[in-house]
PDB file of N, CA and C in Angstrom:
ATOM      1  N   UNK A   1      27.436  20.195  42.753  1.00  0.00           N
ATOM      2  CA  UNK A   1      26.435  20.021  43.788  1.00  0.00           C
ATOM      3  C   UNK A   1      25.063  19.717  43.177  1.00  0.00           C
ATOM      4  N   UNK A   2      24.728  20.416  42.097  1.00  0.00           N
ATOM      5  CA  UNK A   2      23.438  20.189  41.444  1.00  0.00           C
ATOM      6  C   UNK A   2      23.369  18.774  40.871  1.00  0.00           C
ATOM      7  N   UNK A   3      24.468  18.317  40.279  1.00  0.00           N
ATOM      8  CA  UNK A   3      24.453  16.972  39.697  1.00  0.00           C
ATOM      9  C   UNK A   3      24.297  15.904  40.777  1.00  0.00           C
ATOM     10  N   UNK A   4      24.830  16.155  41.962  1.00  0.00           N
ATOM     11  CA  UNK A   4      24.661  15.217  43.075  1.00  0.00           C
ATOM     12  C   UNK A   4      23.191  15.136  43.477  1.00  0.00           C
ATOM     13  N   UNK A   5      22.530  16.284  43.549  1.00  0.00           N
ATOM     14  CA  UNK A   5      21.111  16.297  43.905  1.00  0.00           C
ATOM     15  C   UNK A   5      20.260  15.643  42.823  1.00  0.00           C
ATOM     16  N   UNK A   6      20.595  15.897  41.567  1.00  0.00           N
ATOM     17  CA  UNK A   6      19.874  15.264  40.461  1.00  0.00           C
ATOM     18  C   UNK A   6      20.051  13.752  40.532  1.00  0.00           C
ATOM     19  N   UNK A   7      21.281  13.321  40.778  1.00  0.00           N
ATOM     20  CA  UNK A   7      21.556  11.885  40.877  1.00  0.00           C
ATOM     21  C   UNK A   7      20.780  11.261  42.044  1.00  0.00           C
ATOM     22  N   UNK A   8      20.677  11.977  43.153  1.00  0.00           N
ATOM     23  CA  UNK A   8      19.938  11.486  44.316  1.00  0.00           C
ATOM     24  C   UNK A   8      18.450  11.328  43.988  1.00  0.00           C
ATOM     25  N   UNK A   9      17.872  12.314  43.328  1.00  0.00           N
ATOM     26  CA  UNK A   9      16.454  12.257  42.972  1.00  0.00           C
ATOM     27  C   UNK A   9      16.203  11.149  41.943  1.00  0.00           C
ATOM     28  N   UNK A  10      17.108  11.021  40.980  1.00  0.00           N
ATOM     29  CA  UNK A  10      16.972   9.970  39.964  1.00  0.00           C
ATOM     30  C   UNK A  10      17.069   8.596  40.616  1.00  0.00           C
ATOM     31  N   UNK A  11      18.012   8.423  41.532  1.00  0.00           N
ATOM     32  CA  UNK A  11      18.160   7.141  42.223  1.00  0.00           C
ATOM     33  C   UNK A  11      16.915   6.826  43.048  1.00  0.00           C
ATOM     34  N   UNK A  12      16.328   7.830  43.676  1.00  0.00           N
ATOM     35  CA  UNK A  12      15.099   7.615  44.444  1.00  0.00           C
ATOM     36  C   UNK A  12      13.964   7.169  43.520  1.00  0.00           C
ATOM     37  N   UNK A  13      13.847   7.809  42.372  1.00  0.00           N
ATOM     38  CA  UNK A  13      12.806   7.416  41.413  1.00  0.00           C
ATOM     39  C   UNK A  13      13.046   5.998  40.902  1.00  0.00           C
ATOM     40  N   UNK A  14      14.304   5.673  40.644  1.00  0.00           N
ATOM     41  CA  UNK A  14      14.630   4.321  40.178  1.00  0.00           C
ATOM     42  C   UNK A  14      14.379   3.283  41.269  1.00  0.00           C
ATOM     43  N   UNK A  15      14.593   3.668  42.508  1.00  0.00           N
ATOM     44  CA  UNK A  15      14.319   2.753  43.621  1.00  0.00           C
ATOM     45  C   UNK A  15      12.824   2.438  43.699  1.00  0.00           C
ATOM     46  N   UNK A  16      11.989   3.442  43.443  1.00  0.00           N
ATOM     47  CA  UNK A  16      10.544   3.191  43.385  1.00  0.00           C
ATOM     48  C   UNK A  16      10.203   2.250  42.236  1.00  0.00           C
ATOM     49  N   UNK A  17      10.886   2.420  41.116  1.00  0.00           N
ATOM     50  CA  UNK A  17      10.680   1.546  39.966  1.00  0.00           C
ATOM     51  C   UNK A  17      11.108   0.107  40.280  1.00  0.00           C
ATOM     52  N   UNK A  18      12.238  -0.027  40.952  1.00  0.00           N
ATOM     53  CA  UNK A  18      12.726  -1.355  41.349  1.00  0.00           C
ATOM     54  C   UNK A  18      11.718  -2.017  42.284  1.00  0.00           C
ATOM     55  N   UNK A  19      11.159  -1.239  43.209  1.00  0.00           N
ATOM     56  CA  UNK A  19      10.184  -1.793  44.155  1.00  0.00           C
ATOM     57  C   UNK A  19       8.929  -2.288  43.438  1.00  0.00           C
ATOM     58  N   UNK A  20       8.591  -1.676  42.311  1.00  0.00           N
ATOM     59  CA  UNK A  20       7.424  -2.130  41.547  1.00  0.00           C
ATOM     60  C   UNK A  20       7.685  -3.457  40.846  1.00  0.00           C
ATOM     61  N   UNK A  21       8.923  -3.679  40.411  1.00  0.00           N
ATOM     62  CA  UNK A  21       9.222  -4.851  39.595  1.00  0.00           C
ATOM     63  C   UNK A  21       9.817  -6.030  40.366  1.00  0.00           C
ATOM     64  N   UNK A  22      10.422  -5.784  41.500  1.00  0.00           N
ATOM     65  CA  UNK A  22      11.063  -6.865  42.258  1.00  0.00           C
ATOM     66  C   UNK A  22      10.192  -7.203  43.463  1.00  0.00           C
ATOM     67  N   UNK A  23       9.649  -8.388  43.428  1.00  0.00           N
ATOM     68  CA  UNK A  23       8.826  -8.850  44.542  1.00  0.00           C
ATOM     69  C   UNK A  23       9.733  -9.053  45.756  1.00  0.00           C
ATOM     70  N   UNK A  24       9.373  -8.469  46.872  1.00  0.00           N
ATOM     71  CA  UNK A  24      10.183  -8.558  48.073  1.00  0.00           C
ATOM     72  C   UNK A  24      10.895  -7.265  48.418  1.00  0.00           C
ATOM     73  N   UNK A  25      10.807  -6.268  47.545  1.00  0.00           N
ATOM     74  CA  UNK A  25      11.361  -4.938  47.823  1.00  0.00           C
ATOM     75  C   UNK A  25      10.181  -3.984  47.945  1.00  0.00           C
ATOM     76  N   UNK A  26      10.063  -3.330  49.095  1.00  0.00           N
ATOM     77  CA  UNK A  26       8.967  -2.397  49.328  1.00  0.00           C
ATOM     78  C   UNK A  26       9.518  -1.029  49.718  1.00  0.00           C
ATOM     79  N   UNK A  27       8.929   0.008  49.130  1.00  0.00           N
ATOM     80  CA  UNK A  27       9.249   1.392  49.466  1.00  0.00           C
ATOM     81  C   UNK A  27       7.919   2.100  49.674  1.00  0.00           C
ATOM     82  N   UNK A  28       7.766   2.781  50.814  1.00  0.00           N
ATOM     83  CA  UNK A  28       6.479   3.392  51.165  1.00  0.00           C
ATOM     84  C   UNK A  28       6.107   4.586  50.298  1.00  0.00           C
ATOM     85  N   UNK A  29       7.061   5.376  49.879  1.00  0.00           N
ATOM     86  CA  UNK A  29       6.746   6.553  49.081  1.00  0.00           C
ATOM     87  C   UNK A  29       8.010   7.227  48.596  1.00  0.00           C
ATOM     88  N   UNK A  30       7.841   8.382  47.929  1.00  0.00           N
ATOM     89  CA  UNK A  30       9.005   9.052  47.358  1.00  0.00           C
ATOM     90  C   UNK A  30       9.934   9.591  48.444  1.00  0.00           C
ATOM     91  N   UNK A  31       9.383  10.089  49.548  1.00  0.00           N
ATOM     92  CA  UNK A  31      10.221  10.582  50.648  1.00  0.00           C
ATOM     93  C   UNK A  31      11.085   9.470  51.214  1.00  0.00           C
ATOM     94  N   UNK A  32      10.493   8.319  51.385  1.00  0.00           N
ATOM     95  CA  UNK A  32      11.246   7.159  51.861  1.00  0.00           C
ATOM     96  C   UNK A  32      12.299   6.747  50.845  1.00  0.00           C
ATOM     97  N   UNK A  33      11.935   6.781  49.573  1.00  0.00           N
ATOM     98  CA  UNK A  33      12.897   6.432  48.514  1.00  0.00           C
ATOM     99  C   UNK A  33      14.054   7.418  48.476  1.00  0.00           C
ATOM    100  N   UNK A  34      13.764   8.693  48.700  1.00  0.00           N
ATOM    101  CA  UNK A  34      14.819   9.710  48.722  1.00  0.00           C
ATOM    102  C   UNK A  34      15.779   9.463  49.884  1.00  0.00           C
ATOM    103  N   UNK A  35      15.232   9.176  51.063  1.00  0.00           N
ATOM    104  CA  UNK A  35      16.074   8.867  52.215  1.00  0.00           C
ATOM    105  C   UNK A  35      16.852   7.571  51.982  1.00  0.00           C
ATOM    106  N   UNK A  36      16.212   6.583  51.391  1.00  0.00           N
ATOM    107  CA  UNK A  36      16.885   5.311  51.108  1.00  0.00           C
ATOM    108  C   UNK A  36      18.019   5.504  50.105  1.00  0.00           C
ATOM    109  N   UNK A  37      17.813   6.344  49.091  1.00  0.00           N
ATOM    110  CA  UNK A  37      18.867   6.617  48.112  1.00  0.00           C
ATOM    111  C   UNK A  37      20.050   7.304  48.783  1.00  0.00           C
ATOM    112  N   UNK A  38      19.768   8.227  49.693  1.00  0.00           N
ATOM    113  CA  UNK A  38      20.834   8.913  50.425  1.00  0.00           C
ATOM    114  C   UNK A  38      21.606   7.939  51.306  1.00  0.00           C
ATOM    115  N   UNK A  39      20.887   7.107  52.047  1.00  0.00           N
ATOM    116  CA  UNK A  39      21.544   6.122  52.924  1.00  0.00           C
ATOM    117  C   UNK A  39      22.313   5.101  52.086  1.00  0.00           C
ATOM    118  N   UNK A  40      21.734   4.666  50.974  1.00  0.00           N
ATOM    119  CA  UNK A  40      22.415   3.709  50.096  1.00  0.00           C
ATOM    120  C   UNK A  40      23.717   4.310  49.563  1.00  0.00           C
ATOM    121  N   UNK A  41      23.699   5.590  49.241  1.00  0.00           N
ATOM    122  CA  UNK A  41      24.914   6.270  48.797  1.00  0.00           C
ATOM    123  C   UNK A  41      25.977   6.307  49.888  1.00  0.00           C
ATOM    124  N   UNK A  42      25.565   6.632  51.119  1.00  0.00           N
ATOM    125  CA  UNK A  42      26.519   6.643  52.230  1.00  0.00           C
ATOM    126  C   UNK A  42      27.061   5.246  52.527  1.00  0.00           C
ATOM    127  N   UNK A  43      26.185   4.263  52.500  1.00  0.00           N
ATOM    128  CA  UNK A  43      26.616   2.878  52.749  1.00  0.00           C
ATOM    129  C   UNK A  43      27.618   2.443  51.680  1.00  0.00           C
ATOM    130  N   UNK A  44      27.333   2.787  50.423  1.00  0.00           N
ATOM    131  CA  UNK A  44      28.255   2.425  49.343  1.00  0.00           C
ATOM    132  C   UNK A  44      29.572   3.179  49.438  1.00  0.00           C
ATOM    133  N   UNK A  45      29.556   4.376  49.995  1.00  0.00           N
ATOM    134  CA  UNK A  45      30.780   5.163  50.103  1.00  0.00           C
ATOM    135  C   UNK A  45      31.620   4.786  51.316  1.00  0.00           C
ATOM    136  N   UNK A  46      30.981   4.344  52.387  1.00  0.00           N
ATOM    137  CA  UNK A  46      31.707   4.110  53.635  1.00  0.00           C
ATOM    138  C   UNK A  46      31.902   2.628  53.939  1.00  0.00           C
ATOM    139  N   UNK A  47      30.825   1.850  53.900  1.00  0.00           N
ATOM    140  CA  UNK A  47      30.891   0.445  54.320  1.00  0.00           C
ATOM    141  C   UNK A  47      31.391  -0.463  53.194  1.00  0.00           C
ATOM    142  N   UNK A  48      30.944  -0.210  51.973  1.00  0.00           N
ATOM    143  CA  UNK A  48      31.267  -1.102  50.860  1.00  0.00           C
ATOM    144  C   UNK A  48      32.770  -1.245  50.603  1.00  0.00           C
ATOM    145  N   UNK A  49      33.559  -0.157  50.615  1.00  0.00           N
ATOM    146  CA  UNK A  49      34.999  -0.356  50.391  1.00  0.00           C
ATOM    147  C   UNK A  49      35.651  -1.257  51.445  1.00  0.00           C
ATOM    148  N   UNK A  50      35.196  -1.136  52.676  1.00  0.00           N
ATOM    149  CA  UNK A  50      35.717  -1.998  53.735  1.00  0.00           C
ATOM    150  C   UNK A  50      35.322  -3.448  53.499  1.00  0.00           C
ATOM    151  N   UNK A  51      34.071  -3.670  53.095  1.00  0.00           N
ATOM    152  CA  UNK A  51      33.611  -5.033  52.806  1.00  0.00           C
ATOM    153  C   UNK A  51      34.354  -5.630  51.610  1.00  0.00           C
ATOM    154  N   UNK A  52      34.599  -4.815  50.597  1.00  0.00           N
ATOM    155  CA  UNK A  52      35.328  -5.295  49.420  1.00  0.00           C
ATOM    156  C   UNK A  52      36.741  -5.699  49.815  1.00  0.00           C
ATOM    157  N   UNK A  53      37.364  -4.906  50.665  1.00  0.00           N
ATOM    158  CA  UNK A  53      38.716  -5.228  51.127  1.00  0.00           C
ATOM    159  C   UNK A  53      38.735  -6.502  51.966  1.00  0.00           C
ATOM    160  N   UNK A  54      37.759  -6.644  52.859  1.00  0.00           N
ATOM    161  CA  UNK A  54      37.716  -7.828  53.719  1.00  0.00           C
ATOM    162  C   UNK A  54      37.399  -9.109  52.950  1.00  0.00           C
ATOM    163  N   UNK A  55      36.658  -8.986  51.866  1.00  0.00           N
ATOM    164  CA  UNK A  55      36.266 -10.171  51.095  1.00  0.00           C
ATOM    165  C   UNK A  55      37.096 -10.336  49.821  1.00  0.00           C
ATOM    166  N   UNK A  56      38.205  -9.635  49.744  1.00  0.00           N
ATOM    167  CA  UNK A  56      39.030  -9.675  48.542  1.00  0.00           C
ATOM    168  C   UNK A  56      39.462 -11.093  48.146  1.00  0.00           C
ATOM    169  N   UNK A  57      39.910 -11.945  49.075  1.00  0.00           N
ATOM    170  CA  UNK A  57      40.279 -13.309  48.651  1.00  0.00           C
ATOM    171  C   UNK A  57      39.115 -14.079  48.021  1.00  0.00           C
ATOM    172  N   UNK A  58      37.934 -13.933  48.606  1.00  0.00           N
ATOM    173  CA  UNK A  58      36.761 -14.614  48.056  1.00  0.00           C
ATOM    174  C   UNK A  58      36.360 -14.016  46.708  1.00  0.00           C
ATOM    175  N   UNK A  59      36.515 -12.714  46.582  1.00  0.00           N
ATOM    176  CA  UNK A  59      36.212 -12.047  45.311  1.00  0.00           C
ATOM    177  C   UNK A  59      37.168 -12.519  44.219  1.00  0.00           C
ATOM    178  N   UNK A  60      38.424 -12.651  44.551  1.00  0.00           N
ATOM    179  CA  UNK A  60      39.405 -13.138  43.576  1.00  0.00           C
ATOM    180  C   UNK A  60      39.100 -14.593  43.210  1.00  0.00           C
ATOM    181  N   UNK A  61      38.755 -15.390  44.214  1.00  0.00           N
ATOM    182  CA  UNK A  61      38.454 -16.798  43.989  1.00  0.00           C
ATOM    183  C   UNK A  61      37.243 -16.986  43.071  1.00  0.00           C
ATOM    184  N   UNK A  62      36.268 -16.089  43.189  1.00  0.00           N
ATOM    185  CA  UNK A  62      35.055 -16.205  42.365  1.00  0.00           C
ATOM    186  C   UNK A  62      35.131 -15.328  41.110  1.00  0.00           C
ATOM    187  N   UNK A  63      36.316 -14.842  40.809  1.00  0.00           N
ATOM    188  CA  UNK A  63      36.550 -14.000  39.630  1.00  0.00           C
ATOM    189  C   UNK A  63      35.661 -12.757  39.611  1.00  0.00           C
ATOM    190  N   UNK A  64      35.452 -12.188  40.786  1.00  0.00           N
ATOM    191  CA  UNK A  64      34.713 -10.941  40.903  1.00  0.00           C
ATOM    192  C   UNK A  64      33.226 -11.085  41.127  1.00  0.00           C
ATOM    193  N   UNK A  65      32.690 -12.284  41.007  1.00  0.00           N
ATOM    194  CA  UNK A  65      31.249 -12.472  41.152  1.00  0.00           C
ATOM    195  C   UNK A  65      30.756 -12.210  42.572  1.00  0.00           C
ATOM    196  N   UNK A  66      31.644 -12.331  43.556  1.00  0.00           N
ATOM    197  CA  UNK A  66      31.233 -12.095  44.936  1.00  0.00           C
ATOM    198  C   UNK A  66      30.879 -10.625  45.167  1.00  0.00           C
ATOM    199  N   UNK A  67      31.311  -9.745  44.284  1.00  0.00           N
ATOM    200  CA  UNK A  67      30.951  -8.332  44.413  1.00  0.00           C
ATOM    201  C   UNK A  67      29.439  -8.124  44.284  1.00  0.00           C
ATOM    202  N   UNK A  68      28.764  -9.007  43.550  1.00  0.00           N
ATOM    203  CA  UNK A  68      27.299  -8.946  43.492  1.00  0.00           C
ATOM    204  C   UNK A  68      26.700  -9.211  44.867  1.00  0.00           C
ATOM    205  N   UNK A  69      27.292 -10.131  45.602  1.00  0.00           N
ATOM    206  CA  UNK A  69      26.836 -10.446  46.954  1.00  0.00           C
ATOM    207  C   UNK A  69      27.071  -9.253  47.877  1.00  0.00           C
ATOM    208  N   UNK A  70      28.235  -8.635  47.768  1.00  0.00           N
ATOM    209  CA  UNK A  70      28.547  -7.465  48.591  1.00  0.00           C
ATOM    210  C   UNK A  70      27.556  -6.341  48.285  1.00  0.00           C
ATOM    211  N   UNK A  71      27.254  -6.129  47.017  1.00  0.00           N
ATOM    212  CA  UNK A  71      26.298  -5.091  46.640  1.00  0.00           C
ATOM    213  C   UNK A  71      24.910  -5.388  47.202  1.00  0.00           C
ATOM    214  N   UNK A  72      24.501  -6.644  47.167  1.00  0.00           N
ATOM    215  CA  UNK A  72      23.204  -7.031  47.738  1.00  0.00           C
ATOM    216  C   UNK A  72      23.186  -6.805  49.246  1.00  0.00           C
ATOM    217  N   UNK A  73      24.291  -7.086  49.913  1.00  0.00           N
ATOM    218  CA  UNK A  73      24.367  -6.848  51.359  1.00  0.00           C
ATOM    219  C   UNK A  73      24.272  -5.358  51.678  1.00  0.00           C
ATOM    220  N   UNK A  74      24.853  -4.515  50.843  1.00  0.00           N
ATOM    221  CA  UNK A  74      24.758  -3.068  51.049  1.00  0.00           C
ATOM    222  C   UNK A  74      23.313  -2.599  50.838  1.00  0.00           C
ATOM    223  N   UNK A  75      22.623  -3.202  49.895  1.00  0.00           N
ATOM    224  CA  UNK A  75      21.216  -2.898  49.631  1.00  0.00           C
ATOM    225  C   UNK A  75      20.365  -3.267  50.843  1.00  0.00           C
ATOM    226  N   UNK A  76      20.628  -4.445  51.406  1.00  0.00           N
ATOM    227  CA  UNK A  76      19.877  -4.877  52.607  1.00  0.00           C
ATOM    228  C   UNK A  76      20.220  -4.026  53.816  1.00  0.00           C
ATOM    229  N   UNK A  77      21.481  -3.603  53.919  1.00  0.00           N
ATOM    230  CA  UNK A  77      21.870  -2.741  55.040  1.00  0.00           C
ATOM    231  C   UNK A  77      21.141  -1.408  54.957  1.00  0.00           C
ATOM    232  N   UNK A  78      21.059  -0.848  53.773  1.00  0.00           N
ATOM    233  CA  UNK A  78      20.323   0.410  53.593  1.00  0.00           C
ATOM    234  C   UNK A  78      18.856   0.210  53.965  1.00  0.00           C
ATOM    235  N   UNK A  79      18.290  -0.922  53.588  1.00  0.00           N
ATOM    236  CA  UNK A  79      16.896  -1.211  53.929  1.00  0.00           C
ATOM    237  C   UNK A  79      16.709  -1.364  55.435  1.00  0.00           C
ATOM    238  N   UNK A  80      17.704  -1.905  56.101  1.00  0.00           N
ATOM    239  CA  UNK A  80      17.611  -2.073  57.553  1.00  0.00           C
ATOM    240  C   UNK A  80      17.695  -0.730  58.279  1.00  0.00           C
ATOM    241  N   UNK A  81      18.346   0.234  57.670  1.00  0.00           N
ATOM    242  CA  UNK A  81      18.535   1.534  58.321  1.00  0.00           C
ATOM    243  C   UNK A  81      17.410   2.532  58.038  1.00  0.00           C
ATOM    244  N   UNK A  82      16.635   2.301  56.993  1.00  0.00           N
ATOM    245  CA  UNK A  82      15.596   3.263  56.599  1.00  0.00           C
ATOM    246  C   UNK A  82      14.217   2.678  56.890  1.00  0.00           C
ATOM    247  N   UNK A  83      13.456   3.334  57.768  1.00  0.00           N
ATOM    248  CA  UNK A  83      12.091   2.864  57.998  1.00  0.00           C
ATOM    249  C   UNK A  83      11.231   3.121  56.761  1.00  0.00           C
ATOM    250  N   UNK A  84      10.426   2.148  56.404  1.00  0.00           N
ATOM    251  CA  UNK A  84       9.575   2.271  55.228  1.00  0.00           C
ATOM    252  C   UNK A  84      10.189   1.679  53.978  1.00  0.00           C
ATOM    253  N   UNK A  85      11.430   1.244  54.078  1.00  0.00           N
ATOM    254  CA  UNK A  85      12.124   0.586  52.964  1.00  0.00           C
ATOM    255  C   UNK A  85      12.511  -0.788  53.464  1.00  0.00           C
ATOM    256  N   UNK A  86      11.987  -1.824  52.822  1.00  0.00           N
ATOM    257  CA  UNK A  86      12.298  -3.175  53.300  1.00  0.00           C
ATOM    258  C   UNK A  86      12.629  -4.089  52.139  1.00  0.00           C
ATOM    259  N   UNK A  87      13.502  -5.031  52.429  1.00  0.00           N
ATOM    260  CA  UNK A  87      13.900  -6.053  51.469  1.00  0.00           C
ATOM    261  C   UNK A  87      13.735  -7.381  52.179  1.00  0.00           C
ATOM    262  N   UNK A  88      12.889  -8.251  51.632  1.00  0.00           N
ATOM    263  CA  UNK A  88      12.574  -9.526  52.269  1.00  0.00           C
ATOM    264  C   UNK A  88      13.380 -10.656  51.653  1.00  0.00           C
ATOM    265  N   UNK A  89      14.584 -10.851  52.148  1.00  0.00           N
ATOM    266  CA  UNK A  89      15.396 -11.960  51.700  1.00  0.00           C
ATOM    267  C   UNK A  89      16.575 -11.553  50.837  1.00  0.00           C
ATOM    268  N   UNK A  90      17.452 -12.527  50.628  1.00  0.00           N
ATOM    269  CA  UNK A  90      18.666 -12.256  49.866  1.00  0.00           C
ATOM    270  C   UNK A  90      18.396 -12.182  48.371  1.00  0.00           C
ATOM    271  N   UNK A  91      17.494 -13.001  47.867  1.00  0.00           N
ATOM    272  CA  UNK A  91      17.173 -13.000  46.437  1.00  0.00           C
ATOM    273  C   UNK A  91      16.668 -11.647  45.952  1.00  0.00           C
ATOM    274  N   UNK A  92      15.657 -11.088  46.635  1.00  0.00           N
ATOM    275  CA  UNK A  92      15.206  -9.753  46.241  1.00  0.00           C
ATOM    276  C   UNK A  92      16.290  -8.686  46.398  1.00  0.00           C
ATOM    277  N   UNK A  93      17.152  -8.835  47.399  1.00  0.00           N
ATOM    278  CA  UNK A  93      18.250  -7.881  47.577  1.00  0.00           C
ATOM    279  C   UNK A  93      19.222  -7.961  46.406  1.00  0.00           C
ATOM    280  N   UNK A  94      19.533  -9.168  45.984  1.00  0.00           N
ATOM    281  CA  UNK A  94      20.454  -9.356  44.864  1.00  0.00           C
ATOM    282  C   UNK A  94      19.843  -8.815  43.572  1.00  0.00           C
ATOM    283  N   UNK A  95      18.608  -9.185  43.308  1.00  0.00           N
ATOM    284  CA  UNK A  95      17.949  -8.728  42.086  1.00  0.00           C
ATOM    285  C   UNK A  95      17.702  -7.217  42.118  1.00  0.00           C
ATOM    286  N   UNK A  96      17.276  -6.708  43.263  1.00  0.00           N
ATOM    287  CA  UNK A  96      17.017  -5.279  43.398  1.00  0.00           C
ATOM    288  C   UNK A  96      18.269  -4.439  43.245  1.00  0.00           C
ATOM    289  N   UNK A  97      19.363  -4.870  43.866  1.00  0.00           N
ATOM    290  CA  UNK A  97      20.607  -4.098  43.752  1.00  0.00           C
ATOM    291  C   UNK A  97      21.164  -4.160  42.336  1.00  0.00           C
ATOM    292  N   UNK A  98      21.039  -5.301  41.689  1.00  0.00           N
ATOM    293  CA  UNK A  98      21.510  -5.425  40.310  1.00  0.00           C
ATOM    294  C   UNK A  98      20.678  -4.551  39.368  1.00  0.00           C
ATOM    295  N   UNK A  99      19.357  -4.593  39.527  1.00  0.00           N
ATOM    296  CA  UNK A  99      18.481  -3.783  38.683  1.00  0.00           C
ATOM    297  C   UNK A  99      18.703  -2.290  38.925  1.00  0.00           C
ATOM    298  N   UNK A 100      18.849  -1.901  40.187  1.00  0.00           N
ATOM    299  CA  UNK A 100      19.101  -0.495  40.510  1.00  0.00           C
ATOM    300  C   UNK A 100      20.423  -0.024  39.904  1.00  0.00           C
ATOM    301  N   UNK A 101      21.439  -0.844  39.979  1.00  0.00           N
ATOM    302  CA  UNK A 101      22.736  -0.482  39.403  1.00  0.00           C
ATOM    303  C   UNK A 101      22.655  -0.332  37.891  1.00  0.00           C
ATOM    304  N   UNK A 102      21.993  -1.270  37.233  1.00  0.00           N
ATOM    305  CA  UNK A 102      21.862  -1.198  35.778  1.00  0.00           C
ATOM    306  C   UNK A 102      21.039   0.011  35.335  1.00  0.00           C
ATOM    307  N   UNK A 103      19.950   0.280  36.044  1.00  0.00           N
ATOM    308  CA  UNK A 103      19.126   1.437  35.705  1.00  0.00           C
ATOM    309  C   UNK A 103      19.875   2.745  35.943  1.00  0.00           C
ATOM    310  N   UNK A 104      20.616   2.817  37.051  1.00  0.00           N
ATOM    311  CA  UNK A 104      21.433   4.000  37.331  1.00  0.00           C
ATOM    312  C   UNK A 104      22.474   4.210  36.249  1.00  0.00           C
ATOM    313  N   UNK A 105      23.093   3.138  35.815  1.00  0.00           N
ATOM    314  CA  UNK A 105      24.096   3.220  34.751  1.00  0.00           C
ATOM    315  C   UNK A 105      23.471   3.719  33.452  1.00  0.00           C
ATOM    316  N   UNK A 106      22.299   3.201  33.119  1.00  0.00           N
ATOM    317  CA  UNK A 106      21.622   3.612  31.878  1.00  0.00           C
ATOM    318  C   UNK A 106      21.198   5.082  31.938  1.00  0.00           C
ATOM    319  N   UNK A 107      20.621   5.504  33.051  1.00  0.00           N
ATOM    320  CA  UNK A 107      20.174   6.886  33.182  1.00  0.00           C
ATOM    321  C   UNK A 107      21.374   7.831  33.182  1.00  0.00           C
ATOM    322  N   UNK A 108      22.444   7.447  33.858  1.00  0.00           N
ATOM    323  CA  UNK A 108      23.647   8.297  33.883  1.00  0.00           C
ATOM    324  C   UNK A 108      24.240   8.435  32.481  1.00  0.00           C
ATOM    325  N   UNK A 109      24.173   7.376  31.697  1.00  0.00           N
ATOM    326  CA  UNK A 109      24.681   7.452  30.332  1.00  0.00           C
ATOM    327  C   UNK A 109      23.820   8.361  29.469  1.00  0.00           C
ATOM    328  N   UNK A 110      22.513   8.289  29.662  1.00  0.00           N
ATOM    329  CA  UNK A 110      21.602   9.116  28.867  1.00  0.00           C
ATOM    330  C   UNK A 110      21.692  10.588  29.282  1.00  0.00           C
ATOM    331  N   UNK A 111      21.697  10.848  30.606  1.00  0.00           N
ATOM    332  CA  UNK A 111      21.724  12.219  31.095  1.00  0.00           C
ATOM    333  C   UNK A 111      23.122  12.815  31.175  1.00  0.00           C
ATOM    334  N   UNK A 112      24.134  11.967  31.061  1.00  0.00           N
ATOM    335  CA  UNK A 112      25.505  12.458  31.160  1.00  0.00           C
ATOM    336  C   UNK A 112      25.933  12.812  32.568  1.00  0.00           C
ATOM    337  N   UNK A 113      25.398  12.113  33.563  1.00  0.00           N
ATOM    338  CA  UNK A 113      25.763  12.368  34.959  1.00  0.00           C
ATOM    339  C   UNK A 113      27.075  11.745  35.342  1.00  0.00           C
TER     340      UNK A 113
END
């Protein structure tokens, strides 16, 4: 349970970092980032597996590259559900979701999460 909370706080901090570096991604504050990280986690746990299953032929056809598109769509969906968190366009969603994933992977490797 503690590691889940740590991961949530780390993801919120990384989301603020992503908003600083990716033009088109805005987060109003840490509270908004915390809520956005929670919603992004739920979206990735509930909606993303269904989207991956529905787009499986296209994912196979593109040798897995379409999963980047699915991840960007989940990022935009989280932004649509959280007030104070916005993503303006598909490009920032793609870059923001990719950067957030890479940063999460790096932090998890360093912290052992």
